[in-house]
Amino acid sequence: MTTLFGMFPFLKKLFVDSGYKGPKFANALAKLRPHIEIEIVKRSDQVSSFVVLPKRWIVERTIAWLNRCRRLAKDWECLNRKALAFLRLASIRFMLRKLCNPA
């Protein structure tokens, strides 16, 4: 997480799953960045069908887009540095498609 905050020092709010609620995560985050607010995106127990959760859907959608690249569908890379490079290439490819083919 230290690298995340080093790359993005402007982060003010962190949206997390309900699995991250509790004092252990909050205390660890407060030690790293005391000014960041944590918002837990909760699902409703009353709804029996599929409901899109705000903010959480953005992450799921992005992961699905990245998995469309066959190289990222499996863990082929031995080094994290190499895997990160392929993630960046897939993101660049995705953004170029969006820019060059406006809908």
PDB file of N, CA and C in Angstrom:
ATOM      1  N   MET A   1       0.809  -1.193   0.000  1.00  0.00           N
ATOM      2  CA  MET A   1       0.000   0.000   0.000  1.00  0.00           C
ATOM      3  C   MET A   1       0.852   1.257   0.000  1.00  0.00           C
ATOM      4  N   THR A   2       2.048   1.160   0.525  1.00  0.00           N
ATOM      5  CA  THR A   2       2.932   2.316   0.539  1.00  0.00           C
ATOM      6  C   THR A   2       3.247   2.752  -0.886  1.00  0.00           C
ATOM      7  N   THR A   3       3.446   1.803  -1.782  1.00  0.00           N
ATOM      8  CA  THR A   3       3.717   2.144  -3.176  1.00  0.00           C
ATOM      9  C   THR A   3       2.513   2.815  -3.811  1.00  0.00           C
ATOM     10  N   LEU A   4       1.323   2.347  -3.482  1.00  0.00           N
ATOM     11  CA  LEU A   4       0.100   2.932  -4.017  1.00  0.00           C
ATOM     12  C   LEU A   4      -0.011   4.396  -3.643  1.00  0.00           C
ATOM     13  N   PHE A   5       0.235   4.709  -2.389  1.00  0.00           N
ATOM     14  CA  PHE A   5       0.123   6.094  -1.950  1.00  0.00           C
ATOM     15  C   PHE A   5       1.287   6.934  -2.454  1.00  0.00           C
ATOM     16  N   GLY A   6       2.427   6.304  -2.719  1.00  0.00           N
ATOM     17  CA  GLY A   6       3.546   7.026  -3.303  1.00  0.00           C
ATOM     18  C   GLY A   6       3.261   7.427  -4.736  1.00  0.00           C
ATOM     19  N   MET A   7       2.573   6.545  -5.474  1.00  0.00           N
ATOM     20  CA  MET A   7       2.237   6.838  -6.865  1.00  0.00           C
ATOM     21  C   MET A   7       1.051   7.786  -6.976  1.00  0.00           C
ATOM     22  N   PHE A   8       0.141   7.727  -6.025  1.00  0.00           N
ATOM     23  CA  PHE A   8      -1.068   8.543  -6.064  1.00  0.00           C
ATOM     24  C   PHE A   8      -1.228   9.302  -4.750  1.00  0.00           C
ATOM     25  N   PRO A   9      -0.429  10.337  -4.522  1.00  0.00           N
ATOM     26  CA  PRO A   9      -0.502  11.055  -3.244  1.00  0.00           C
ATOM     27  C   PRO A   9      -1.780  11.877  -3.079  1.00  0.00           C
ATOM     28  N   PHE A  10      -2.533  12.049  -4.156  1.00  0.00           N
ATOM     29  CA  PHE A  10      -3.745  12.860  -4.118  1.00  0.00           C
ATOM     30  C   PHE A  10      -4.978  12.080  -3.677  1.00  0.00           C
ATOM     31  N   LEU A  11      -4.852  10.788  -3.380  1.00  0.00           N
ATOM     32  CA  LEU A  11      -6.001   9.985  -2.950  1.00  0.00           C
ATOM     33  C   LEU A  11      -6.585  10.528  -1.653  1.00  0.00           C
ATOM     34  N   LYS A  12      -7.910  10.698  -1.636  1.00  0.00           N
ATOM     35  CA  LYS A  12      -8.580  11.202  -0.440  1.00  0.00           C
ATOM     36  C   LYS A  12      -9.574  10.208   0.131  1.00  0.00           C
ATOM     37  N   LYS A  13     -10.098   9.330  -0.735  1.00  0.00           N
ATOM     38  CA  LYS A  13     -11.104   8.371  -0.283  1.00  0.00           C
ATOM     39  C   LYS A  13     -10.776   7.009  -0.862  1.00  0.00           C
ATOM     40  N   LEU A  14     -10.952   5.976  -0.041  1.00  0.00           N
ATOM     41  CA  LEU A  14     -10.679   4.610  -0.456  1.00  0.00           C
ATOM     42  C   LEU A  14     -11.971   3.813  -0.337  1.00  0.00           C
ATOM     43  N   PHE A  15     -12.469   3.300  -1.463  1.00  0.00           N
ATOM     44  CA  PHE A  15     -13.666   2.471  -1.465  1.00  0.00           C
ATOM     45  C   PHE A  15     -13.240   1.021  -1.299  1.00  0.00           C
ATOM     46  N   VAL A  16     -13.768   0.357  -0.281  1.00  0.00           N
ATOM     47  CA  VAL A  16     -13.375  -1.019   0.000  1.00  0.00           C
ATOM     48  C   VAL A  16     -14.598  -1.909   0.133  1.00  0.00           C
ATOM     49  N   ASP A  17     -14.360  -3.198   0.030  1.00  0.00           N
ATOM     50  CA  ASP A  17     -15.372  -4.223   0.192  1.00  0.00           C
ATOM     51  C   ASP A  17     -15.665  -4.391   1.680  1.00  0.00           C
ATOM     52  N   SER A  18     -16.760  -5.054   2.009  1.00  0.00           N
ATOM     53  CA  SER A  18     -17.096  -5.249   3.424  1.00  0.00           C
ATOM     54  C   SER A  18     -16.113  -6.190   4.126  1.00  0.00           C
ATOM     55  N   GLY A  19     -15.283  -6.882   3.365  1.00  0.00           N
ATOM     56  CA  GLY A  19     -14.260  -7.731   3.958  1.00  0.00           C
ATOM     57  C   GLY A  19     -13.161  -6.935   4.651  1.00  0.00           C
ATOM     58  N   TYR A  20     -13.068  -5.645   4.354  1.00  0.00           N
ATOM     59  CA  TYR A  20     -12.032  -4.801   4.943  1.00  0.00           C
ATOM     60  C   TYR A  20     -12.517  -3.998   6.144  1.00  0.00           C
ATOM     61  N   LYS A  21     -13.748  -4.238   6.582  1.00  0.00           N
ATOM     62  CA  LYS A  21     -14.210  -3.492   7.751  1.00  0.00           C
ATOM     63  C   LYS A  21     -13.582  -4.076   9.008  1.00  0.00           C
ATOM     64  N   GLY A  22     -13.381  -3.245   9.961  1.00  0.00           N
ATOM     65  CA  GLY A  22     -12.747  -3.701  11.193  1.00  0.00           C
ATOM     66  C   GLY A  22     -11.560  -2.828  11.547  1.00  0.00           C
ATOM     67  N   PRO A  23     -11.123  -2.916  12.777  1.00  0.00           N
ATOM     68  CA  PRO A  23     -10.068  -2.015  13.252  1.00  0.00           C
ATOM     69  C   PRO A  23      -8.675  -2.329  12.701  1.00  0.00           C
ATOM     70  N   LYS A  24      -8.418  -3.567  12.329  1.00  0.00           N
ATOM     71  CA  LYS A  24      -7.074  -3.929  11.867  1.00  0.00           C
ATOM     72  C   LYS A  24      -6.693  -3.167  10.593  1.00  0.00           C
ATOM     73  N   PHE A  25      -7.584  -3.175   9.607  1.00  0.00           N
ATOM     74  CA  PHE A  25      -7.330  -2.463   8.355  1.00  0.00           C
ATOM     75  C   PHE A  25      -7.325  -0.955   8.574  1.00  0.00           C
ATOM     76  N   ALA A  26      -8.283  -0.468   9.349  1.00  0.00           N
ATOM     77  CA  ALA A  26      -8.377   0.977   9.598  1.00  0.00           C
ATOM     78  C   ALA A  26      -7.137   1.504  10.319  1.00  0.00           C
ATOM     79  N   ASN A  27      -6.641   0.760  11.287  1.00  0.00           N
ATOM     80  CA  ASN A  27      -5.444   1.196  12.016  1.00  0.00           C
ATOM     81  C   ASN A  27      -4.205   1.177  11.123  1.00  0.00           C
ATOM     82  N   ALA A  28      -4.080   0.147  10.295  1.00  0.00           N
ATOM     83  CA  ALA A  28      -2.931   0.072   9.383  1.00  0.00           C
ATOM     84  C   ALA A  28      -2.960   1.219   8.385  1.00  0.00           C
ATOM     85  N   LEU A  29      -4.150   1.546   7.889  1.00  0.00           N
ATOM     86  CA  LEU A  29      -4.274   2.657   6.945  1.00  0.00           C
ATOM     87  C   LEU A  29      -4.024   3.991   7.625  1.00  0.00           C
ATOM     88  N   ALA A  30      -4.470   4.128   8.860  1.00  0.00           N
ATOM     89  CA  ALA A  30      -4.259   5.376   9.600  1.00  0.00           C
ATOM     90  C   ALA A  30      -2.777   5.623   9.858  1.00  0.00           C
ATOM     91  N   LYS A  31      -2.002   4.564  10.019  1.00  0.00           N
ATOM     92  CA  LYS A  31      -0.557   4.733  10.204  1.00  0.00           C
ATOM     93  C   LYS A  31       0.111   5.219   8.922  1.00  0.00           C
ATOM     94  N   LEU A  32      -0.362   4.700   7.777  1.00  0.00           N
ATOM     95  CA  LEU A  32       0.234   5.095   6.499  1.00  0.00           C
ATOM     96  C   LEU A  32      -0.219   6.483   6.061  1.00  0.00           C
ATOM     97  N   ARG A  33      -1.522   6.676   6.025  1.00  0.00           N
ATOM     98  CA  ARG A  33      -2.107   7.945   5.581  1.00  0.00           C
ATOM     99  C   ARG A  33      -3.292   8.292   6.473  1.00  0.00           C
ATOM    100  N   PRO A  34      -3.099   9.139   7.467  1.00  0.00           N
ATOM    101  CA  PRO A  34      -4.194   9.442   8.398  1.00  0.00           C
ATOM    102  C   PRO A  34      -5.326  10.265   7.783  1.00  0.00           C
ATOM    103  N   HIS A  35      -5.068  10.955   6.674  1.00  0.00           N
ATOM    104  CA  HIS A  35      -6.094  11.831   6.106  1.00  0.00           C
ATOM    105  C   HIS A  35      -7.034  11.126   5.131  1.00  0.00           C
ATOM    106  N   ILE A  36      -6.809   9.862   4.812  1.00  0.00           N
ATOM    107  CA  ILE A  36      -7.647   9.158   3.840  1.00  0.00           C
ATOM    108  C   ILE A  36      -8.894   8.611   4.519  1.00  0.00           C
ATOM    109  N   GLU A  37     -10.020   8.867   3.879  1.00  0.00           N
ATOM    110  CA  GLU A  37     -11.310   8.390   4.386  1.00  0.00           C
ATOM    111  C   GLU A  37     -11.610   7.014   3.780  1.00  0.00           C
ATOM    112  N   ILE A  38     -12.124   6.116   4.594  1.00  0.00           N
ATOM    113  CA  ILE A  38     -12.490   4.776   4.132  1.00  0.00           C
ATOM    114  C   ILE A  38     -14.006   4.709   3.997  1.00  0.00           C
ATOM    115  N   GLU A  39     -14.476   4.283   2.821  1.00  0.00           N
ATOM    116  CA  GLU A  39     -15.908   4.066   2.634  1.00  0.00           C
ATOM    117  C   GLU A  39     -16.124   2.610   2.241  1.00  0.00           C
ATOM    118  N   ILE A  40     -16.932   1.915   3.031  1.00  0.00           N
ATOM    119  CA  ILE A  40     -17.219   0.509   2.776  1.00  0.00           C
ATOM    120  C   ILE A  40     -18.468   0.420   1.906  1.00  0.00           C
ATOM    121  N   VAL A  41     -18.328  -0.205   0.733  1.00  0.00           N
ATOM    122  CA  VAL A  41     -19.452  -0.384  -0.178  1.00  0.00           C
ATOM    123  C   VAL A  41     -20.160  -1.660   0.239  1.00  0.00           C
ATOM    124  N   LYS A  42     -21.368  -1.504   0.774  1.00  0.00           N
ATOM    125  CA  LYS A  42     -22.111  -2.650   1.308  1.00  0.00           C
ATOM    126  C   LYS A  42     -23.167  -3.108   0.316  1.00  0.00           C
ATOM    127  N   ARG A  43     -23.437  -4.391   0.347  1.00  0.00           N
ATOM    128  CA  ARG A  43     -24.526  -4.913  -0.470  1.00  0.00           C
ATOM    129  C   ARG A  43     -25.772  -5.015   0.397  1.00  0.00           C
ATOM    130  N   SER A  44     -26.920  -4.975  -0.243  1.00  0.00           N
ATOM    131  CA  SER A  44     -28.178  -5.043   0.483  1.00  0.00           C
ATOM    132  C   SER A  44     -28.609  -6.499   0.641  1.00  0.00           C
ATOM    133  N   ASP A  45     -29.034  -6.877   1.829  1.00  0.00           N
ATOM    134  CA  ASP A  45     -29.507  -8.239   2.067  1.00  0.00           C
ATOM    135  C   ASP A  45     -30.962  -8.422   1.636  1.00  0.00           C
ATOM    136  N   GLN A  46     -31.683  -7.319   1.429  1.00  0.00           N
ATOM    137  CA  GLN A  46     -33.092  -7.407   1.056  1.00  0.00           C
ATOM    138  C   GLN A  46     -33.279  -7.757  -0.419  1.00  0.00           C
ATOM    139  N   VAL A  47     -32.321  -7.425  -1.262  1.00  0.00           N
ATOM    140  CA  VAL A  47     -32.463  -7.645  -2.697  1.00  0.00           C
ATOM    141  C   VAL A  47     -32.075  -9.080  -3.032  1.00  0.00           C
ATOM    142  N   SER A  48     -32.972  -9.775  -3.762  1.00  0.00           N
ATOM    143  CA  SER A  48     -32.698 -11.176  -4.095  1.00  0.00           C
ATOM    144  C   SER A  48     -32.065 -11.333  -5.475  1.00  0.00           C
ATOM    145  N   SER A  49     -32.160 -10.315  -6.320  1.00  0.00           N
ATOM    146  CA  SER A  49     -31.586 -10.410  -7.661  1.00  0.00           C
ATOM    147  C   SER A  49     -30.276  -9.619  -7.736  1.00  0.00           C
ATOM    148  N   PHE A  50     -29.656  -9.634  -8.905  1.00  0.00           N
ATOM    149  CA  PHE A  50     -28.386  -8.936  -9.102  1.00  0.00           C
ATOM    150  C   PHE A  50     -28.607  -7.433  -9.106  1.00  0.00           C
ATOM    151  N   VAL A  51     -27.812  -6.735  -8.322  1.00  0.00           N
ATOM    152  CA  VAL A  51     -27.876  -5.276  -8.266  1.00  0.00           C
ATOM    153  C   VAL A  51     -26.457  -4.742  -8.413  1.00  0.00           C
ATOM    154  N   VAL A  52     -26.305  -3.769  -9.301  1.00  0.00           N
ATOM    155  CA  VAL A  52     -24.997  -3.153  -9.499  1.00  0.00           C
ATOM    156  C   VAL A  52     -24.701  -2.249  -8.312  1.00  0.00           C
ATOM    157  N   LEU A  53     -23.565  -2.493  -7.661  1.00  0.00           N
ATOM    158  CA  LEU A  53     -23.169  -1.659  -6.531  1.00  0.00           C
ATOM    159  C   LEU A  53     -22.341  -0.488  -7.036  1.00  0.00           C
ATOM    160  N   PRO A  54     -22.602   0.705  -6.525  1.00  0.00           N
ATOM    161  CA  PRO A  54     -21.831   1.861  -6.985  1.00  0.00           C
ATOM    162  C   PRO A  54     -20.361   1.720  -6.610  1.00  0.00           C
ATOM    163  N   LYS A  55     -19.501   2.245  -7.436  1.00  0.00           N
ATOM    164  CA  LYS A  55     -18.038   2.244  -7.266  1.00  0.00           C
ATOM    165  C   LYS A  55     -17.431   0.859  -7.397  1.00  0.00           C
ATOM    166  N   ARG A  56     -18.078  -0.152  -6.881  1.00  0.00           N
ATOM    167  CA  ARG A  56     -17.536  -1.500  -6.954  1.00  0.00           C
ATOM    168  C   ARG A  56     -17.599  -2.030  -8.384  1.00  0.00           C
ATOM    169  N   TRP A  57     -18.608  -1.611  -9.111  1.00  0.00           N
ATOM    170  CA  TRP A  57     -18.793  -2.063 -10.479  1.00  0.00           C
ATOM    171  C   TRP A  57     -17.665  -1.565 -11.378  1.00  0.00           C
ATOM    172  N   ILE A  58     -17.119  -0.407 -11.098  1.00  0.00           N
ATOM    173  CA  ILE A  58     -16.028   0.148 -11.898  1.00  0.00           C
ATOM    174  C   ILE A  58     -14.824  -0.784 -11.861  1.00  0.00           C
ATOM    175  N   VAL A  59     -14.506  -1.287 -10.697  1.00  0.00           N
ATOM    176  CA  VAL A  59     -13.363  -2.192 -10.547  1.00  0.00           C
ATOM    177  C   VAL A  59     -13.625  -3.504 -11.278  1.00  0.00           C
ATOM    178  N   GLU A  60     -14.805  -4.078 -11.089  1.00  0.00           N
ATOM    179  CA  GLU A  60     -15.147  -5.347 -11.737  1.00  0.00           C
ATOM    180  C   GLU A  60     -15.113  -5.211 -13.258  1.00  0.00           C
ATOM    181  N   ARG A  61     -15.644  -4.107 -13.762  1.00  0.00           N
ATOM    182  CA  ARG A  61     -15.676  -3.871 -15.202  1.00  0.00           C
ATOM    183  C   ARG A  61     -14.263  -3.732 -15.765  1.00  0.00           C
ATOM    184  N   THR A  62     -13.403  -3.011 -15.054  1.00  0.00           N
ATOM    185  CA  THR A  62     -12.030  -2.817 -15.514  1.00  0.00           C
ATOM    186  C   THR A  62     -11.267  -4.133 -15.541  1.00  0.00           C
ATOM    187  N   ILE A  63     -11.447  -4.958 -14.521  1.00  0.00           N
ATOM    188  CA  ILE A  63     -10.784  -6.268 -14.500  1.00  0.00           C
ATOM    189  C   ILE A  63     -11.282  -7.128 -15.663  1.00  0.00           C
ATOM    190  N   ALA A  64     -12.569  -7.066 -15.964  1.00  0.00           N
ATOM    191  CA  ALA A  64     -13.110  -7.829 -17.091  1.00  0.00           C
ATOM    192  C   ALA A  64     -12.517  -7.341 -18.407  1.00  0.00           C
ATOM    193  N   TRP A  65     -12.367  -6.036 -18.572  1.00  0.00           N
ATOM    194  CA  TRP A  65     -11.762  -5.493 -19.791  1.00  0.00           C
ATOM    195  C   TRP A  65     -10.316  -5.947 -19.931  1.00  0.00           C
ATOM    196  N   LEU A  66      -9.573  -5.923 -18.830  1.00  0.00           N
ATOM    197  CA  LEU A  66      -8.172  -6.332 -18.892  1.00  0.00           C
ATOM    198  C   LEU A  66      -8.030  -7.825 -19.175  1.00  0.00           C
ATOM    199  N   ASN A  67      -8.975  -8.626 -18.701  1.00  0.00           N
ATOM    200  CA  ASN A  67      -8.909 -10.073 -18.934  1.00  0.00           C
ATOM    201  C   ASN A  67      -9.226 -10.451 -20.371  1.00  0.00           C
ATOM    202  N   ARG A  68      -9.672  -9.490 -21.173  1.00  0.00           N
ATOM    203  CA  ARG A  68      -9.895  -9.766 -22.585  1.00  0.00           C
ATOM    204  C   ARG A  68      -8.578  -9.942 -23.331  1.00  0.00           C
ATOM    205  N   CYS A  69      -7.495  -9.474 -22.745  1.00  0.00           N
ATOM    206  CA  CYS A  69      -6.163  -9.711 -23.314  1.00  0.00           C
ATOM    207  C   CYS A  69      -5.737 -11.117 -22.917  1.00  0.00           C
ATOM    208  N   ARG A  70      -5.474 -11.948 -23.903  1.00  0.00           N
ATOM    209  CA  ARG A  70      -5.181 -13.357 -23.607  1.00  0.00           C
ATOM    210  C   ARG A  70      -3.948 -13.532 -22.736  1.00  0.00           C
ATOM    211  N   ARG A  71      -2.993 -12.642 -22.855  1.00  0.00           N
ATOM    212  CA  ARG A  71      -1.756 -12.767 -22.070  1.00  0.00           C
ATOM    213  C   ARG A  71      -2.047 -12.623 -20.575  1.00  0.00           C
ATOM    214  N   LEU A  72      -3.068 -11.859 -20.220  1.00  0.00           N
ATOM    215  CA  LEU A  72      -3.380 -11.620 -18.816  1.00  0.00           C
ATOM    216  C   LEU A  72      -4.372 -12.628 -18.243  1.00  0.00           C
ATOM    217  N   ALA A  73      -4.884 -13.523 -19.087  1.00  0.00           N
ATOM    218  CA  ALA A  73      -5.876 -14.486 -18.613  1.00  0.00           C
ATOM    219  C   ALA A  73      -5.268 -15.506 -17.652  1.00  0.00           C
ATOM    220  N   LYS A  74      -3.972 -15.761 -17.786  1.00  0.00           N
ATOM    221  CA  LYS A  74      -3.283 -16.692 -16.888  1.00  0.00           C
ATOM    222  C   LYS A  74      -2.023 -16.026 -16.375  1.00  0.00           C
ATOM    223  N   ASP A  75      -1.487 -16.551 -15.303  1.00  0.00           N
ATOM    224  CA  ASP A  75      -0.253 -16.007 -14.739  1.00  0.00           C
ATOM    225  C   ASP A  75       0.952 -16.657 -15.412  1.00  0.00           C
ATOM    226  N   TRP A  76       1.415 -16.056 -16.492  1.00  0.00           N
ATOM    227  CA  TRP A  76       2.579 -16.580 -17.205  1.00  0.00           C
ATOM    228  C   TRP A  76       3.874 -16.009 -16.648  1.00  0.00           C
ATOM    229  N   GLU A  77       3.801 -14.808 -16.100  1.00  0.00           N
ATOM    230  CA  GLU A  77       5.006 -14.098 -15.684  1.00  0.00           C
ATOM    231  C   GLU A  77       5.524 -14.600 -14.341  1.00  0.00           C
ATOM    232  N   CYS A  78       6.835 -14.689 -14.228  1.00  0.00           N
ATOM    233  CA  CYS A  78       7.467 -15.079 -12.964  1.00  0.00           C
ATOM    234  C   CYS A  78       7.779 -13.857 -12.110  1.00  0.00           C
ATOM    235  N   LEU A  79       8.005 -12.731 -12.748  1.00  0.00           N
ATOM    236  CA  LEU A  79       8.364 -11.510 -12.025  1.00  0.00           C
ATOM    237  C   LEU A  79       7.181 -10.550 -11.978  1.00  0.00           C
ATOM    238  N   ASN A  80       6.980  -9.921 -10.836  1.00  0.00           N
ATOM    239  CA  ASN A  80       5.899  -8.940 -10.708  1.00  0.00           C
ATOM    240  C   ASN A  80       6.107  -7.767 -11.648  1.00  0.00           C
ATOM    241  N   ARG A  81       7.365  -7.397 -11.845  1.00  0.00           N
ATOM    242  CA  ARG A  81       7.692  -6.273 -12.715  1.00  0.00           C
ATOM    243  C   ARG A  81       7.219  -6.542 -14.144  1.00  0.00           C
ATOM    244  N   LYS A  82       7.397  -7.763 -14.580  1.00  0.00           N
ATOM    245  CA  LYS A  82       6.987  -8.147 -15.929  1.00  0.00           C
ATOM    246  C   LYS A  82       5.460  -8.184 -16.046  1.00  0.00           C
ATOM    247  N   ALA A  83       4.792  -8.707 -15.025  1.00  0.00           N
ATOM    248  CA  ALA A  83       3.327  -8.748 -15.029  1.00  0.00           C
ATOM    249  C   ALA A  83       2.748  -7.339 -15.052  1.00  0.00           C
ATOM    250  N   LEU A  84       3.355  -6.429 -14.292  1.00  0.00           N
ATOM    251  CA  LEU A  84       2.900  -5.042 -14.276  1.00  0.00           C
ATOM    252  C   LEU A  84       3.089  -4.388 -15.637  1.00  0.00           C
ATOM    253  N   ALA A  85       4.175  -4.718 -16.316  1.00  0.00           N
ATOM    254  CA  ALA A  85       4.415  -4.171 -17.655  1.00  0.00           C
ATOM    255  C   ALA A  85       3.321  -4.612 -18.624  1.00  0.00           C
ATOM    256  N   PHE A  86       2.918  -5.878 -18.551  1.00  0.00           N
ATOM    257  CA  PHE A  86       1.857  -6.352 -19.437  1.00  0.00           C
ATOM    258  C   PHE A  86       0.500  -5.754 -19.067  1.00  0.00           C
ATOM    259  N   LEU A  87       0.271  -5.497 -17.786  1.00  0.00           N
ATOM    260  CA  LEU A  87      -0.961  -4.802 -17.388  1.00  0.00           C
ATOM    261  C   LEU A  87      -0.990  -3.396 -17.967  1.00  0.00           C
ATOM    262  N   ARG A  88       0.142  -2.725 -17.924  1.00  0.00           N
ATOM    263  CA  ARG A  88       0.218  -1.373 -18.490  1.00  0.00           C
ATOM    264  C   ARG A  88       0.005  -1.399 -19.997  1.00  0.00           C
ATOM    265  N   LEU A  89       0.606  -2.369 -20.672  1.00  0.00           N
ATOM    266  CA  LEU A  89       0.405  -2.480 -22.119  1.00  0.00           C
ATOM    267  C   LEU A  89      -1.065  -2.727 -22.455  1.00  0.00           C
ATOM    268  N   ALA A  90      -1.720  -3.571 -21.699  1.00  0.00           N
ATOM    269  CA  ALA A  90      -3.139  -3.842 -21.933  1.00  0.00           C
ATOM    270  C   ALA A  90      -3.974  -2.593 -21.683  1.00  0.00           C
ATOM    271  N   SER A  91      -3.623  -1.823 -20.666  1.00  0.00           N
ATOM    272  CA  SER A  91      -4.354  -0.588 -20.375  1.00  0.00           C
ATOM    273  C   SER A  91      -4.146   0.439 -21.476  1.00  0.00           C
ATOM    274  N   ILE A  92      -2.915   0.536 -21.968  1.00  0.00           N
ATOM    275  CA  ILE A  92      -2.628   1.466 -23.072  1.00  0.00           C
ATOM    276  C   ILE A  92      -3.412   1.063 -24.312  1.00  0.00           C
ATOM    277  N   ARG A  93      -3.430  -0.222 -24.604  1.00  0.00           N
ATOM    278  CA  ARG A  93      -4.179  -0.729 -25.757  1.00  0.00           C
ATOM    279  C   ARG A  93      -5.667  -0.405 -25.630  1.00  0.00           C
ATOM    280  N   PHE A  94      -6.187  -0.598 -24.434  1.00  0.00           N
ATOM    281  CA  PHE A  94      -7.601  -0.317 -24.191  1.00  0.00           C
ATOM    282  C   PHE A  94      -7.913   1.172 -24.383  1.00  0.00           C
ATOM    283  N   MET A  95      -7.062   2.038 -23.824  1.00  0.00           N
ATOM    284  CA  MET A  95      -7.301   3.477 -23.935  1.00  0.00           C
ATOM    285  C   MET A  95      -7.146   3.961 -25.376  1.00  0.00           C
ATOM    286  N   LEU A  96      -6.187   3.412 -26.119  1.00  0.00           N
ATOM    287  CA  LEU A  96      -6.030   3.789 -27.525  1.00  0.00           C
ATOM    288  C   LEU A  96      -7.256   3.406 -28.341  1.00  0.00           C
ATOM    289  N   ARG A  97      -7.813   2.241 -28.059  1.00  0.00           N
ATOM    290  CA  ARG A  97      -9.040   1.843 -28.758  1.00  0.00           C
ATOM    291  C   ARG A  97     -10.182   2.804 -28.456  1.00  0.00           C
ATOM    292  N   LYS A  98     -10.285   3.221 -27.205  1.00  0.00           N
ATOM    293  CA  LYS A  98     -11.353   4.158 -26.827  1.00  0.00           C
ATOM    294  C   LYS A  98     -11.169   5.506 -27.524  1.00  0.00           C
ATOM    295  N   LEU A  99      -9.909   5.958 -27.611  1.00  0.00           N
ATOM    296  CA  LEU A  99      -9.636   7.253 -28.224  1.00  0.00           C
ATOM    297  C   LEU A  99      -9.798   7.227 -29.742  1.00  0.00           C
ATOM    298  N   CYS A 100      -9.396   6.136 -30.378  1.00  0.00           N
ATOM    299  CA  CYS A 100      -9.414   6.056 -31.842  1.00  0.00           C
ATOM    300  C   CYS A 100     -10.766   5.645 -32.406  1.00  0.00           C
ATOM    301  N   ASN A 101     -11.577   4.973 -31.630  1.00  0.00           N
ATOM    302  CA  ASN A 101     -12.892   4.519 -32.092  1.00  0.00           C
ATOM    303  C   ASN A 101     -13.993   5.078 -31.202  1.00  0.00           C
ATOM    304  N   PRO A 102     -14.266   6.386 -31.291  1.00  0.00           N
ATOM    305  CA  PRO A 102     -15.330   6.929 -30.429  1.00  0.00           C
ATOM    306  C   PRO A 102     -16.688   6.374 -30.838  1.00  0.00           C
ATOM    307  N   ALA A 103     -17.474   6.038 -29.860  1.00  0.00           N
ATOM    308  CA  ALA A 103     -18.791   5.437 -30.126  1.00  0.00           C
ATOM    309  C   ALA A 103     -19.854   6.483 -30.298  1.00  0.00           C
TER     310      ALA A 103
END
